[in-house]
């Protein structure tokens, strides 16, 4: 701990020499000596819960030590969570935890536990050295869960876990189509669909359906593991058709289907027509449309005239 020590001023003295020592006999090996041109000096990093014996002398001859006095330092304070706030809700499942700094501590250990009694089987424990600060990231916490958090330092007993605080994580977000803007048109019938990533999800299920109510009979459903990303190909969609698309993860309830978006596929390609126009006869050569049983012929002469 940190404490200022001061003494009475002595006329003509130019320096004051303070010694604080946990040994009553002032063992030089444990002495902490400070010299100041003032009658006061700061001592930093004293041990907690320790009695120090203090004496002071000046640089005046015969420069003998004054009367010995003593004080006992406080027991170490225990750290506590400062961020997120106690009782916070909608906390992300990837979140930095922070605590107050404790003098002389060289590391901080955080425990986040969904069990209020801190069952070791459910504990999530992380330690951070003071060289990296007093904040530590916790990744992949469970959604919609209350975590009880406590922090301790590496200081010896009676230092222990600090006061318990808690926060509740957010409900899981639901993914949505990102590969195409909602309402996109002229989308190819062979097309990759992709969605945003959701923390902790291990797979994504896409449904493309020409029925706005997602009739199972017309559903096209594909699932992709997160190891392969968040995009999956849909092949052979129908031409000139509006598909309604939704995505879900494998996370448990309340995770469900995300927001519905839609796109419309491209028109079917038409047949090729070759026309020649001699002086007396118009000839049309038609290549059939493989995607339709109907053939429409457009003959270009003085005007456009569709012929069945």
C-alpha atoms as a PDB file:
ATOM      1  CA  UNK A   1       0.000   0.000   0.000  1.00  0.00           C
ATOM      2  CA  UNK A   2       1.025   3.638  -0.372  1.00  0.00           C
ATOM      3  CA  UNK A   3       1.408   6.048   2.552  1.00  0.00           C
ATOM      4  CA  UNK A   4       3.062   9.445   3.239  1.00  0.00           C
ATOM      5  CA  UNK A   5       5.310   9.703   6.296  1.00  0.00           C
ATOM      6  CA  UNK A   6       6.234  13.045   7.874  1.00  0.00           C
ATOM      7  CA  UNK A   7       8.168  14.368  10.861  1.00  0.00           C
ATOM      8  CA  UNK A   8       8.709  17.627  12.710  1.00  0.00           C
ATOM      9  CA  UNK A   9      11.071  20.065  11.075  1.00  0.00           C
ATOM     10  CA  UNK A  10      14.540  20.646  12.500  1.00  0.00           C
ATOM     11  CA  UNK A  11      16.312  24.003  12.126  1.00  0.00           C
ATOM     12  CA  UNK A  12      19.280  23.981   9.733  1.00  0.00           C
ATOM     13  CA  UNK A  13      18.578  20.419   8.566  1.00  0.00           C
ATOM     14  CA  UNK A  14      18.827  20.040   4.791  1.00  0.00           C
ATOM     15  CA  UNK A  15      17.826  16.404   4.528  1.00  0.00           C
ATOM     16  CA  UNK A  16      15.576  14.020   6.429  1.00  0.00           C
ATOM     17  CA  UNK A  17      16.225  10.290   6.348  1.00  0.00           C
ATOM     18  CA  UNK A  18      13.269   8.006   7.019  1.00  0.00           C
ATOM     19  CA  UNK A  19      13.491   4.285   7.725  1.00  0.00           C
ATOM     20  CA  UNK A  20      10.450   2.010   7.786  1.00  0.00           C
ATOM     21  CA  UNK A  21      11.174  -1.560   8.791  1.00  0.00           C
ATOM     22  CA  UNK A  22       8.940  -4.544   9.608  1.00  0.00           C
ATOM     23  CA  UNK A  23      11.693  -5.707  11.997  1.00  0.00           C
ATOM     24  CA  UNK A  24      11.663  -4.039  15.417  1.00  0.00           C
ATOM     25  CA  UNK A  25      15.433  -4.361  15.586  1.00  0.00           C
ATOM     26  CA  UNK A  26      15.787  -2.597  12.235  1.00  0.00           C
ATOM     27  CA  UNK A  27      17.414  -5.407  10.336  1.00  0.00           C
ATOM     28  CA  UNK A  28      19.194  -3.704   7.390  1.00  0.00           C
ATOM     29  CA  UNK A  29      17.983  -6.505   5.084  1.00  0.00           C
ATOM     30  CA  UNK A  30      14.353  -5.431   5.534  1.00  0.00           C
ATOM     31  CA  UNK A  31      14.915  -1.685   5.846  1.00  0.00           C
ATOM     32  CA  UNK A  32      13.156   0.729   3.486  1.00  0.00           C
ATOM     33  CA  UNK A  33      15.075   3.995   3.582  1.00  0.00           C
ATOM     34  CA  UNK A  34      14.053   7.231   1.889  1.00  0.00           C
ATOM     35  CA  UNK A  35      15.800  10.622   1.928  1.00  0.00           C
ATOM     36  CA  UNK A  36      13.986  13.890   1.353  1.00  0.00           C
ATOM     37  CA  UNK A  37      14.865  17.578   1.542  1.00  0.00           C
ATOM     38  CA  UNK A  38      11.424  18.011   3.079  1.00  0.00           C
ATOM     39  CA  UNK A  39      10.101  16.708   6.365  1.00  0.00           C
ATOM     40  CA  UNK A  40       7.824  14.267   4.555  1.00  0.00           C
ATOM     41  CA  UNK A  41       8.175  11.449   2.083  1.00  0.00           C
ATOM     42  CA  UNK A  42       5.930   8.932   0.300  1.00  0.00           C
ATOM     43  CA  UNK A  43       6.335   5.193   0.814  1.00  0.00           C
ATOM     44  CA  UNK A  44       4.917   3.107  -2.008  1.00  0.00           C
ATOM     45  CA  UNK A  45       4.152  -0.592  -2.096  1.00  0.00           C
ATOM     46  CA  UNK A  46       4.285  -1.388   1.591  1.00  0.00           C
ATOM     47  CA  UNK A  47       3.030  -4.827   2.563  1.00  0.00           C
ATOM     48  CA  UNK A  48      -0.555  -5.202   3.656  1.00  0.00           C
ATOM     49  CA  UNK A  49      -1.442  -6.155   7.233  1.00  0.00           C
ATOM     50  CA  UNK A  50       2.114  -5.505   8.438  1.00  0.00           C
ATOM     51  CA  UNK A  51       3.499  -3.525  11.377  1.00  0.00           C
ATOM     52  CA  UNK A  52       6.273  -1.117  10.389  1.00  0.00           C
ATOM     53  CA  UNK A  53       8.673   0.486  12.839  1.00  0.00           C
ATOM     54  CA  UNK A  54       9.691   3.970  11.762  1.00  0.00           C
ATOM     55  CA  UNK A  55      12.525   6.267  12.740  1.00  0.00           C
ATOM     56  CA  UNK A  56      13.849   9.534  11.287  1.00  0.00           C
ATOM     57  CA  UNK A  57      17.144  11.406  11.440  1.00  0.00           C
ATOM     58  CA  UNK A  58      18.560  14.538   9.846  1.00  0.00           C
ATOM     59  CA  UNK A  59      21.920  15.186   8.219  1.00  0.00           C
ATOM     60  CA  UNK A  60      22.929  17.340  11.203  1.00  0.00           C
ATOM     61  CA  UNK A  61      25.716  15.932  13.355  1.00  0.00           C
ATOM     62  CA  UNK A  62      25.732  13.736  15.321  1.00  0.00           C
ATOM     63  CA  UNK A  63      22.863  12.564  13.033  1.00  0.00           C
ATOM     64  CA  UNK A  64      21.295  10.108  15.409  1.00  0.00           C
ATOM     65  CA  UNK A  65      17.892   8.442  14.904  1.00  0.00           C
ATOM     66  CA  UNK A  66      14.917   9.931  16.644  1.00  0.00           C
ATOM     67  CA  UNK A  67      12.321   8.104  18.700  1.00  0.00           C
ATOM     68  CA  UNK A  68      10.874   4.931  17.142  1.00  0.00           C
ATOM     69  CA  UNK A  69       7.206   4.834  16.284  1.00  0.00           C
ATOM     70  CA  UNK A  70       5.107   2.236  14.500  1.00  0.00           C
ATOM     71  CA  UNK A  71       2.003   1.754  12.422  1.00  0.00           C
ATOM     72  CA  UNK A  72       0.180  -1.234  10.948  1.00  0.00           C
ATOM     73  CA  UNK A  73      -0.989  -1.257   7.367  1.00  0.00           C
ATOM     74  CA  UNK A  74      -4.493  -2.219   6.368  1.00  0.00           C
ATOM     75  CA  UNK A  75      -5.588  -5.598   5.168  1.00  0.00           C
ATOM     76  CA  UNK A  76      -5.577  -5.802   1.398  1.00  0.00           C
ATOM     77  CA  UNK A  77      -8.636  -4.603  -0.388  1.00  0.00           C
ATOM     78  CA  UNK A  78     -10.258  -7.150  -2.657  1.00  0.00           C
ATOM     79  CA  UNK A  79     -11.026  -6.205  -6.245  1.00  0.00           C
ATOM     80  CA  UNK A  80     -14.514  -6.180  -7.695  1.00  0.00           C
ATOM     81  CA  UNK A  81     -16.022  -6.046 -11.145  1.00  0.00           C
ATOM     82  CA  UNK A  82     -16.334  -2.493 -12.457  1.00  0.00           C
ATOM     83  CA  UNK A  83     -17.431  -3.231 -16.017  1.00  0.00           C
ATOM     84  CA  UNK A  84     -20.063  -4.387 -16.929  1.00  0.00           C
ATOM     85  CA  UNK A  85     -22.101  -2.759 -14.183  1.00  0.00           C
ATOM     86  CA  UNK A  86     -23.686  -4.935 -11.526  1.00  0.00           C
ATOM     87  CA  UNK A  87     -27.044  -6.190 -12.790  1.00  0.00           C
ATOM     88  CA  UNK A  88     -26.344  -5.204 -16.414  1.00  0.00           C
ATOM     89  CA  UNK A  89     -28.501  -6.895 -19.063  1.00  0.00           C
ATOM     90  CA  UNK A  90     -28.126  -7.556 -22.802  1.00  0.00           C
ATOM     91  CA  UNK A  91     -24.382  -7.978 -22.336  1.00  0.00           C
ATOM     92  CA  UNK A  92     -22.637  -9.447 -25.423  1.00  0.00           C
ATOM     93  CA  UNK A  93     -21.467 -13.047 -25.155  1.00  0.00           C
ATOM     94  CA  UNK A  94     -17.987 -11.804 -26.111  1.00  0.00           C
ATOM     95  CA  UNK A  95     -17.276  -9.222 -23.447  1.00  0.00           C
ATOM     96  CA  UNK A  96     -14.320  -7.594 -21.633  1.00  0.00           C
ATOM     97  CA  UNK A  97     -14.494  -7.727 -17.824  1.00  0.00           C
ATOM     98  CA  UNK A  98     -12.682  -5.086 -15.791  1.00  0.00           C
ATOM     99  CA  UNK A  99     -11.950  -4.537 -12.094  1.00  0.00           C
ATOM    100  CA  UNK A 100     -10.433  -1.889  -9.847  1.00  0.00           C
ATOM    101  CA  UNK A 101      -6.653  -1.890  -9.366  1.00  0.00           C
ATOM    102  CA  UNK A 102      -5.197  -3.118  -6.054  1.00  0.00           C
ATOM    103  CA  UNK A 103      -1.779  -1.885  -4.853  1.00  0.00           C
ATOM    104  CA  UNK A 104       1.004  -4.505  -5.022  1.00  0.00           C
ATOM    105  CA  UNK A 105      -1.095  -6.992  -6.973  1.00  0.00           C
ATOM    106  CA  UNK A 106       0.731  -8.453  -9.950  1.00  0.00           C
ATOM    107  CA  UNK A 107      -2.176 -10.399 -11.451  1.00  0.00           C
ATOM    108  CA  UNK A 108      -5.966 -10.569 -11.344  1.00  0.00           C
ATOM    109  CA  UNK A 109      -8.083 -13.684 -11.625  1.00  0.00           C
ATOM    110  CA  UNK A 110     -11.681 -13.377 -12.842  1.00  0.00           C
ATOM    111  CA  UNK A 111     -14.326 -16.037 -12.422  1.00  0.00           C
ATOM    112  CA  UNK A 112     -17.621 -15.853 -14.313  1.00  0.00           C
ATOM    113  CA  UNK A 113     -20.059 -18.555 -13.323  1.00  0.00           C
ATOM    114  CA  UNK A 114     -23.732 -19.188 -14.140  1.00  0.00           C
ATOM    115  CA  UNK A 115     -24.019 -20.817 -10.708  1.00  0.00           C
ATOM    116  CA  UNK A 116     -24.475 -18.377  -7.825  1.00  0.00           C
ATOM    117  CA  UNK A 117     -22.603 -20.809  -5.560  1.00  0.00           C
ATOM    118  CA  UNK A 118     -19.638 -20.874  -7.956  1.00  0.00           C
ATOM    119  CA  UNK A 119     -19.744 -24.542  -8.828  1.00  0.00           C
ATOM    120  CA  UNK A 120     -16.240 -25.352 -10.186  1.00  0.00           C
ATOM    121  CA  UNK A 121     -17.790 -27.477 -12.936  1.00  0.00           C
ATOM    122  CA  UNK A 122     -19.404 -24.400 -14.522  1.00  0.00           C
ATOM    123  CA  UNK A 123     -16.678 -21.858 -13.761  1.00  0.00           C
ATOM    124  CA  UNK A 124     -15.076 -19.822 -16.524  1.00  0.00           C
ATOM    125  CA  UNK A 125     -11.761 -18.556 -15.093  1.00  0.00           C
ATOM    126  CA  UNK A 126      -9.239 -16.213 -16.680  1.00  0.00           C
ATOM    127  CA  UNK A 127      -6.084 -14.597 -15.225  1.00  0.00           C
ATOM    128  CA  UNK A 128      -4.422 -11.421 -16.473  1.00  0.00           C
ATOM    129  CA  UNK A 129      -1.001 -10.065 -15.381  1.00  0.00           C
ATOM    130  CA  UNK A 130      -0.871  -6.475 -14.235  1.00  0.00           C
ATOM    131  CA  UNK A 131       1.465  -5.763 -17.159  1.00  0.00           C
ATOM    132  CA  UNK A 132      -1.597  -6.211 -19.390  1.00  0.00           C
ATOM    133  CA  UNK A 133      -3.912  -4.135 -17.195  1.00  0.00           C
ATOM    134  CA  UNK A 134      -6.979  -5.074 -15.182  1.00  0.00           C
ATOM    135  CA  UNK A 135      -9.295  -6.023 -18.049  1.00  0.00           C
ATOM    136  CA  UNK A 136      -9.743  -9.410 -19.644  1.00  0.00           C
ATOM    137  CA  UNK A 137     -11.899 -10.648 -22.523  1.00  0.00           C
ATOM    138  CA  UNK A 138     -14.328 -13.520 -22.012  1.00  0.00           C
ATOM    139  CA  UNK A 139     -15.380 -15.143 -25.295  1.00  0.00           C
ATOM    140  CA  UNK A 140     -18.256 -17.459 -26.113  1.00  0.00           C
ATOM    141  CA  UNK A 141     -20.409 -17.026 -23.017  1.00  0.00           C
ATOM    142  CA  UNK A 142     -23.872 -18.538 -23.191  1.00  0.00           C
ATOM    143  CA  UNK A 143     -26.734 -16.428 -24.457  1.00  0.00           C
ATOM    144  CA  UNK A 144     -29.546 -15.290 -22.163  1.00  0.00           C
ATOM    145  CA  UNK A 145     -27.650 -16.376 -19.049  1.00  0.00           C
ATOM    146  CA  UNK A 146     -26.937 -14.658 -15.732  1.00  0.00           C
ATOM    147  CA  UNK A 147     -23.266 -14.835 -14.778  1.00  0.00           C
ATOM    148  CA  UNK A 148     -21.981 -14.210 -11.273  1.00  0.00           C
ATOM    149  CA  UNK A 149     -18.528 -12.643 -11.302  1.00  0.00           C
ATOM    150  CA  UNK A 150     -15.828 -12.343  -8.677  1.00  0.00           C
ATOM    151  CA  UNK A 151     -12.197 -11.233  -8.861  1.00  0.00           C
ATOM    152  CA  UNK A 152      -9.125 -11.870  -6.746  1.00  0.00           C
ATOM    153  CA  UNK A 153      -5.487 -10.838  -6.828  1.00  0.00           C
ATOM    154  CA  UNK A 154      -2.328 -12.843  -6.271  1.00  0.00           C
ATOM    155  CA  UNK A 155      -1.766 -11.130  -2.924  1.00  0.00           C
ATOM    156  CA  UNK A 156      -1.404 -13.517   0.035  1.00  0.00           C
ATOM    157  CA  UNK A 157      -4.120 -14.140   2.610  1.00  0.00           C
ATOM    158  CA  UNK A 158      -6.185 -12.517   3.925  1.00  0.00           C
ATOM    159  CA  UNK A 159      -6.612 -11.342   0.323  1.00  0.00           C
ATOM    160  CA  UNK A 160      -9.427 -13.354  -1.207  1.00  0.00           C
ATOM    161  CA  UNK A 161     -12.267 -13.119  -3.718  1.00  0.00           C
ATOM    162  CA  UNK A 162     -13.891  -9.709  -3.847  1.00  0.00           C
ATOM    163  CA  UNK A 163     -17.574  -8.858  -3.749  1.00  0.00           C
ATOM    164  CA  UNK A 164     -19.775 -10.807  -6.149  1.00  0.00           C
ATOM    165  CA  UNK A 165     -21.510  -8.946  -8.970  1.00  0.00           C
ATOM    166  CA  UNK A 166     -23.611 -10.199 -11.861  1.00  0.00           C
ATOM    167  CA  UNK A 167     -24.725  -9.501 -15.401  1.00  0.00           C
ATOM    168  CA  UNK A 168     -27.048 -11.195 -17.895  1.00  0.00           C
ATOM    169  CA  UNK A 169     -26.060 -11.877 -21.487  1.00  0.00           C
ATOM    170  CA  UNK A 170     -28.200 -10.919 -24.464  1.00  0.00           C
ATOM    171  CA  UNK A 171     -30.569 -13.250 -26.264  1.00  0.00           C
ATOM    172  CA  UNK A 172     -29.031 -14.717 -29.400  1.00  0.00           C
ATOM    173  CA  UNK A 173     -29.262 -12.691 -32.559  1.00  0.00           C
ATOM    174  CA  UNK A 174     -30.848 -14.437 -35.518  1.00  0.00           C
ATOM    175  CA  UNK A 175     -29.029 -14.474 -38.861  1.00  0.00           C
ATOM    176  CA  UNK A 176     -30.381 -12.969 -42.060  1.00  0.00           C
ATOM    177  CA  UNK A 177     -29.551 -13.100 -45.743  1.00  0.00           C
ATOM    178  CA  UNK A 178     -26.620 -10.825 -46.643  1.00  0.00           C
ATOM    179  CA  UNK A 179     -25.619 -12.021 -50.114  1.00  0.00           C
ATOM    180  CA  UNK A 180     -28.449 -10.146 -51.842  1.00  0.00           C
ATOM    181  CA  UNK A 181     -30.350  -6.980 -50.966  1.00  0.00           C
ATOM    182  CA  UNK A 182     -33.944  -7.597 -49.992  1.00  0.00           C
ATOM    183  CA  UNK A 183     -36.075  -7.517 -53.130  1.00  0.00           C
ATOM    184  CA  UNK A 184     -33.179  -8.176 -55.519  1.00  0.00           C
ATOM    185  CA  UNK A 185     -34.144  -9.088 -59.099  1.00  0.00           C
ATOM    186  CA  UNK A 186     -32.483 -10.927 -61.994  1.00  0.00           C
ATOM    187  CA  UNK A 187     -30.787 -13.273 -59.568  1.00  0.00           C
ATOM    188  CA  UNK A 188     -29.222 -16.325 -61.279  1.00  0.00           C
ATOM    189  CA  UNK A 189     -30.974 -19.664 -60.804  1.00  0.00           C
ATOM    190  CA  UNK A 190     -27.654 -21.096 -59.575  1.00  0.00           C
ATOM    191  CA  UNK A 191     -26.700 -18.814 -56.745  1.00  0.00           C
ATOM    192  CA  UNK A 192     -24.729 -18.780 -53.469  1.00  0.00           C
ATOM    193  CA  UNK A 193     -26.674 -17.498 -50.461  1.00  0.00           C
ATOM    194  CA  UNK A 194     -24.847 -16.200 -47.394  1.00  0.00           C
ATOM    195  CA  UNK A 195     -25.736 -14.730 -44.009  1.00  0.00           C
ATOM    196  CA  UNK A 196     -24.093 -12.857 -41.143  1.00  0.00           C
ATOM    197  CA  UNK A 197     -22.162 -14.883 -38.576  1.00  0.00           C
ATOM    198  CA  UNK A 198     -23.622 -15.479 -35.099  1.00  0.00           C
ATOM    199  CA  UNK A 199     -21.377 -16.087 -32.070  1.00  0.00           C
ATOM    200  CA  UNK A 200     -21.369 -19.704 -30.805  1.00  0.00           C
ATOM    201  CA  UNK A 201     -23.319 -21.027 -33.801  1.00  0.00           C
ATOM    202  CA  UNK A 202     -21.821 -24.176 -35.325  1.00  0.00           C
ATOM    203  CA  UNK A 203     -24.119 -24.467 -38.341  1.00  0.00           C
ATOM    204  CA  UNK A 204     -26.499 -22.396 -40.459  1.00  0.00           C
ATOM    205  CA  UNK A 205     -29.699 -23.613 -42.124  1.00  0.00           C
ATOM    206  CA  UNK A 206     -31.026 -21.735 -45.167  1.00  0.00           C
ATOM    207  CA  UNK A 207     -34.556 -22.094 -46.532  1.00  0.00           C
ATOM    208  CA  UNK A 208     -35.541 -20.686 -49.926  1.00  0.00           C
ATOM    209  CA  UNK A 209     -39.235 -21.015 -50.667  1.00  0.00           C
ATOM    210  CA  UNK A 210     -41.486 -19.639 -53.416  1.00  0.00           C
ATOM    211  CA  UNK A 211     -44.309 -19.664 -50.877  1.00  0.00           C
ATOM    212  CA  UNK A 212     -44.358 -16.627 -48.595  1.00  0.00           C
ATOM    213  CA  UNK A 213     -45.817 -18.769 -45.802  1.00  0.00           C
ATOM    214  CA  UNK A 214     -42.951 -21.252 -46.154  1.00  0.00           C
ATOM    215  CA  UNK A 215     -45.040 -24.254 -47.190  1.00  0.00           C
ATOM    216  CA  UNK A 216     -42.847 -27.289 -46.388  1.00  0.00           C
ATOM    217  CA  UNK A 217     -43.871 -28.899 -49.687  1.00  0.00           C
ATOM    218  CA  UNK A 218     -42.073 -26.189 -51.671  1.00  0.00           C
ATOM    219  CA  UNK A 219     -39.164 -25.578 -49.317  1.00  0.00           C
ATOM    220  CA  UNK A 220     -35.563 -25.897 -50.459  1.00  0.00           C
ATOM    221  CA  UNK A 221     -33.478 -26.329 -47.319  1.00  0.00           C
ATOM    222  CA  UNK A 222     -29.707 -26.549 -47.016  1.00  0.00           C
ATOM    223  CA  UNK A 223     -27.471 -26.685 -43.914  1.00  0.00           C
ATOM    224  CA  UNK A 224     -23.803 -25.737 -43.764  1.00  0.00           C
ATOM    225  CA  UNK A 225     -21.382 -26.247 -40.845  1.00  0.00           C
ATOM    226  CA  UNK A 226     -19.478 -23.210 -39.617  1.00  0.00           C
ATOM    227  CA  UNK A 227     -16.270 -24.968 -40.634  1.00  0.00           C
ATOM    228  CA  UNK A 228     -17.335 -24.297 -44.228  1.00  0.00           C
ATOM    229  CA  UNK A 229     -18.367 -20.690 -43.639  1.00  0.00           C
ATOM    230  CA  UNK A 230     -21.756 -18.990 -43.794  1.00  0.00           C
ATOM    231  CA  UNK A 231     -22.545 -19.396 -47.503  1.00  0.00           C
ATOM    232  CA  UNK A 232     -24.160 -22.259 -49.408  1.00  0.00           C
ATOM    233  CA  UNK A 233     -25.002 -22.769 -53.093  1.00  0.00           C
ATOM    234  CA  UNK A 234     -28.569 -23.231 -54.331  1.00  0.00           C
ATOM    235  CA  UNK A 235     -28.731 -24.833 -57.784  1.00  0.00           C
ATOM    236  CA  UNK A 236     -31.586 -25.085 -60.278  1.00  0.00           C
ATOM    237  CA  UNK A 237     -34.000 -22.530 -58.885  1.00  0.00           C
ATOM    238  CA  UNK A 238     -37.018 -21.787 -61.054  1.00  0.00           C
ATOM    239  CA  UNK A 239     -36.845 -18.933 -63.542  1.00  0.00           C
ATOM    240  CA  UNK A 240     -38.771 -15.709 -62.975  1.00  0.00           C
ATOM    241  CA  UNK A 241     -39.772 -16.752 -59.468  1.00  0.00           C
ATOM    242  CA  UNK A 242     -39.762 -14.844 -56.196  1.00  0.00           C
ATOM    243  CA  UNK A 243     -38.106 -16.792 -53.391  1.00  0.00           C
ATOM    244  CA  UNK A 244     -38.528 -15.959 -49.722  1.00  0.00           C
ATOM    245  CA  UNK A 245     -35.398 -16.750 -47.744  1.00  0.00           C
ATOM    246  CA  UNK A 246     -34.775 -17.210 -44.049  1.00  0.00           C
ATOM    247  CA  UNK A 247     -31.811 -18.506 -42.044  1.00  0.00           C
ATOM    248  CA  UNK A 248     -31.396 -20.023 -38.595  1.00  0.00           C
ATOM    249  CA  UNK A 249     -28.535 -21.362 -36.501  1.00  0.00           C
ATOM    250  CA  UNK A 250     -28.253 -24.495 -34.386  1.00  0.00           C
ATOM    251  CA  UNK A 251     -28.358 -22.417 -31.189  1.00  0.00           C
ATOM    252  CA  UNK A 252     -31.108 -23.426 -28.734  1.00  0.00           C
ATOM    253  CA  UNK A 253     -34.304 -21.456 -28.165  1.00  0.00           C
ATOM    254  CA  UNK A 254     -35.036 -18.586 -28.127  1.00  0.00           C
ATOM    255  CA  UNK A 255     -32.865 -18.654 -31.269  1.00  0.00           C
ATOM    256  CA  UNK A 256     -35.121 -19.129 -34.270  1.00  0.00           C
ATOM    257  CA  UNK A 257     -35.482 -18.184 -37.928  1.00  0.00           C
ATOM    258  CA  UNK A 258     -34.130 -14.736 -38.726  1.00  0.00           C
ATOM    259  CA  UNK A 259     -35.817 -11.982 -40.670  1.00  0.00           C
ATOM    260  CA  UNK A 260     -37.313 -13.006 -44.009  1.00  0.00           C
ATOM    261  CA  UNK A 261     -35.889 -11.493 -47.187  1.00  0.00           C
ATOM    262  CA  UNK A 262     -36.718 -12.167 -50.830  1.00  0.00           C
ATOM    263  CA  UNK A 263     -35.281 -12.093 -54.305  1.00  0.00           C
ATOM    264  CA  UNK A 264     -36.601 -12.827 -57.813  1.00  0.00           C
ATOM    265  CA  UNK A 265     -34.738 -15.006 -60.260  1.00  0.00           C
ATOM    266  CA  UNK A 266     -33.940 -14.025 -63.834  1.00  0.00           C
ATOM    267  CA  UNK A 267     -36.246 -14.524 -66.807  1.00  0.00           C
ATOM    268  CA  UNK A 268     -35.829 -17.734 -68.800  1.00  0.00           C
ATOM    269  CA  UNK A 269     -33.610 -17.291 -71.881  1.00  0.00           C
ATOM    270  CA  UNK A 270     -35.645 -17.131 -75.156  1.00  0.00           C
ATOM    271  CA  UNK A 271     -35.184 -19.087 -78.462  1.00  0.00           C
ATOM    272  CA  UNK A 272     -32.956 -17.737 -81.212  1.00  0.00           C
ATOM    273  CA  UNK A 273     -34.636 -16.420 -84.416  1.00  0.00           C
ATOM    274  CA  UNK A 274     -32.957 -15.891 -87.744  1.00  0.00           C
ATOM    275  CA  UNK A 275     -34.928 -13.975 -90.432  1.00  0.00           C
ATOM    276  CA  UNK A 276     -34.176 -13.312 -94.080  1.00  0.00           C
ATOM    277  CA  UNK A 277     -36.397 -11.060 -96.248  1.00  0.00           C
ATOM    278  CA  UNK A 278     -36.224 -11.592-100.069  1.00  0.00           C
ATOM    279  CA  UNK A 279     -38.209  -9.321-102.341  1.00  0.00           C
ATOM    280  CA  UNK A 280     -41.332 -11.515-102.463  1.00  0.00           C
ATOM    281  CA  UNK A 281     -41.111 -13.871 -99.461  1.00  0.00           C
ATOM    282  CA  UNK A 282     -40.316 -13.429 -95.757  1.00  0.00           C
ATOM    283  CA  UNK A 283     -38.624 -16.479 -94.291  1.00  0.00           C
ATOM    284  CA  UNK A 284     -38.192 -17.088 -90.564  1.00  0.00           C
ATOM    285  CA  UNK A 285     -35.984 -19.775 -89.103  1.00  0.00           C
ATOM    286  CA  UNK A 286     -36.823 -20.519 -85.478  1.00  0.00           C
ATOM    287  CA  UNK A 287     -34.636 -22.269 -82.925  1.00  0.00           C
ATOM    288  CA  UNK A 288     -37.026 -23.725 -80.321  1.00  0.00           C
ATOM    289  CA  UNK A 289     -36.902 -22.543 -76.698  1.00  0.00           C
ATOM    290  CA  UNK A 290     -35.854 -25.585 -74.644  1.00  0.00           C
ATOM    291  CA  UNK A 291     -37.499 -24.064 -71.580  1.00  0.00           C
ATOM    292  CA  UNK A 292     -40.998 -23.716 -72.988  1.00  0.00           C
ATOM    293  CA  UNK A 293     -43.406 -25.723 -75.131  1.00  0.00           C
ATOM    294  CA  UNK A 294     -44.636 -22.515 -76.764  1.00  0.00           C
ATOM    295  CA  UNK A 295     -42.739 -20.810 -79.587  1.00  0.00           C
ATOM    296  CA  UNK A 296     -43.309 -17.104 -80.262  1.00  0.00           C
ATOM    297  CA  UNK A 297     -41.925 -15.670 -83.456  1.00  0.00           C
ATOM    298  CA  UNK A 298     -41.321 -11.961 -83.963  1.00  0.00           C
ATOM    299  CA  UNK A 299     -40.816 -11.063 -87.649  1.00  0.00           C
ATOM    300  CA  UNK A 300     -39.184  -7.741 -88.358  1.00  0.00           C
ATOM    301  CA  UNK A 301     -40.469  -6.093 -91.532  1.00  0.00           C
ATOM    302  CA  UNK A 302     -42.171  -2.742 -91.834  1.00  0.00           C
ATOM    303  CA  UNK A 303     -43.500  -3.272 -88.323  1.00  0.00           C
ATOM    304  CA  UNK A 304     -43.063  -5.721 -85.479  1.00  0.00           C
ATOM    305  CA  UNK A 305     -45.736  -8.381 -85.634  1.00  0.00           C
ATOM    306  CA  UNK A 306     -45.776 -11.353 -83.260  1.00  0.00           C
ATOM    307  CA  UNK A 307     -46.821 -14.570 -84.947  1.00  0.00           C
ATOM    308  CA  UNK A 308     -47.904 -17.692 -83.015  1.00  0.00           C
END
